[in-house]
């Protein structure tokens, strides 16, 4: 624990320094490999999410929408 009163004496001169320091109990060290791992994992997750959204939303496969089919049926005189 580095807290306390530190005194420096040089000859007849005396200086003191009071240190207040709080150490973290639950701290983890974040170094360059940890940060790069977090960034790469974030990029992979973002890419996976983008591909999933692209696949779920569907593509224009040449099918007409049901709304346009319904409008065509209602406009036909035979069905009225």
Protein backbone atom coordinates (compact mmCIF):
# COMPACT_ATOMS: atom_id res chain seq x y z
CA UNK A 1 0.00 0.00 0.00
CA UNK A 2 1.83 3.17 -1.15
CA UNK A 3 -0.26 5.56 1.01
CA UNK A 4 1.42 7.52 3.73
CA UNK A 5 3.79 10.35 4.53
CA UNK A 6 7.08 10.33 2.63
CA UNK A 7 9.99 12.43 3.90
CA UNK A 8 13.10 13.45 1.98
CA UNK A 9 16.07 14.81 3.93
CA UNK A 10 19.07 16.42 2.23
CA UNK A 11 21.48 17.92 4.64
CA UNK A 12 19.60 20.44 6.76
CA UNK A 13 16.64 20.62 4.37
CA UNK A 14 13.59 18.40 4.97
CA UNK A 15 10.64 17.95 2.60
CA UNK A 16 7.58 15.81 3.11
CA UNK A 17 4.91 14.51 0.81
CA UNK A 18 1.54 13.04 1.78
CA UNK A 19 0.37 10.35 -0.67
CA UNK A 20 -3.28 9.36 -0.95
CA UNK A 21 -3.65 6.42 -3.30
CA UNK A 22 -6.53 4.04 -3.77
CA UNK A 23 -5.81 0.68 -5.36
CA UNK A 24 -8.46 -1.05 -7.44
CA UNK A 25 -9.66 -4.35 -6.03
CA UNK A 26 -11.34 -5.72 -9.18
CA UNK A 27 -9.19 -4.20 -11.91
CA UNK A 28 -7.99 -6.14 -14.92
CA UNK A 29 -5.05 -5.21 -17.08
CA UNK A 30 -5.97 -4.21 -20.60
CA UNK A 31 -3.05 -4.64 -22.94
CA UNK A 32 -2.72 -4.48 -26.73
CA UNK A 33 -3.69 -8.13 -27.45
CA UNK A 34 -6.84 -7.77 -25.33
CA UNK A 35 -7.90 -4.59 -27.13
CA UNK A 36 -7.19 -6.09 -30.56
CA UNK A 37 -9.19 -9.19 -29.62
CA UNK A 38 -12.16 -7.05 -28.59
CA UNK A 39 -11.98 -5.04 -31.84
CA UNK A 40 -11.74 -8.18 -34.02
CA UNK A 41 -14.63 -9.85 -32.18
CA UNK A 42 -16.72 -6.71 -32.64
CA UNK A 43 -15.97 -6.62 -36.37
CA UNK A 44 -16.86 -10.32 -36.79
CA UNK A 45 -20.11 -9.85 -34.85
CA UNK A 46 -21.02 -6.82 -36.96
CA UNK A 47 -20.31 -8.72 -40.19
CA UNK A 48 -22.38 -11.68 -38.99
CA UNK A 49 -25.26 -9.38 -38.09
CA UNK A 50 -25.11 -7.65 -41.49
CA UNK A 51 -25.19 -11.01 -43.33
CA UNK A 52 -28.07 -12.21 -41.14
CA UNK A 53 -30.11 -9.06 -41.84
CA UNK A 54 -29.38 -9.39 -45.56
CA UNK A 55 -30.54 -13.01 -45.60
CA UNK A 56 -33.64 -12.43 -43.48
CA UNK A 57 -34.91 -9.41 -45.42
CA UNK A 58 -34.93 -11.45 -48.62
CA UNK A 59 -34.01 -10.61 -52.15
CA UNK A 60 -36.02 -9.52 -55.15
CA UNK A 61 -36.59 -12.97 -56.65
CA UNK A 62 -39.03 -11.92 -59.32
CA UNK A 63 -42.11 -12.69 -57.25
CA UNK A 64 -44.81 -10.08 -57.32
CA UNK A 65 -46.11 -8.92 -54.00
CA UNK A 66 -49.45 -10.10 -52.67
CA UNK A 67 -50.75 -6.54 -52.56
CA UNK A 68 -50.45 -6.19 -56.32
CA UNK A 69 -52.14 -9.58 -56.86
CA UNK A 70 -55.01 -8.53 -54.65
CA UNK A 71 -55.49 -5.28 -56.53
CA UNK A 72 -55.62 -7.16 -59.84
CA UNK A 73 -58.28 -9.57 -58.53
CA UNK A 74 -60.48 -6.80 -57.14
CA UNK A 75 -60.30 -4.85 -60.39
CA UNK A 76 -61.45 -7.91 -62.42
CA UNK A 77 -65.18 -7.69 -63.26
CA UNK A 78 -65.66 -11.47 -63.20
CA UNK A 79 -64.96 -11.70 -59.45
CA UNK A 80 -67.24 -8.83 -58.50
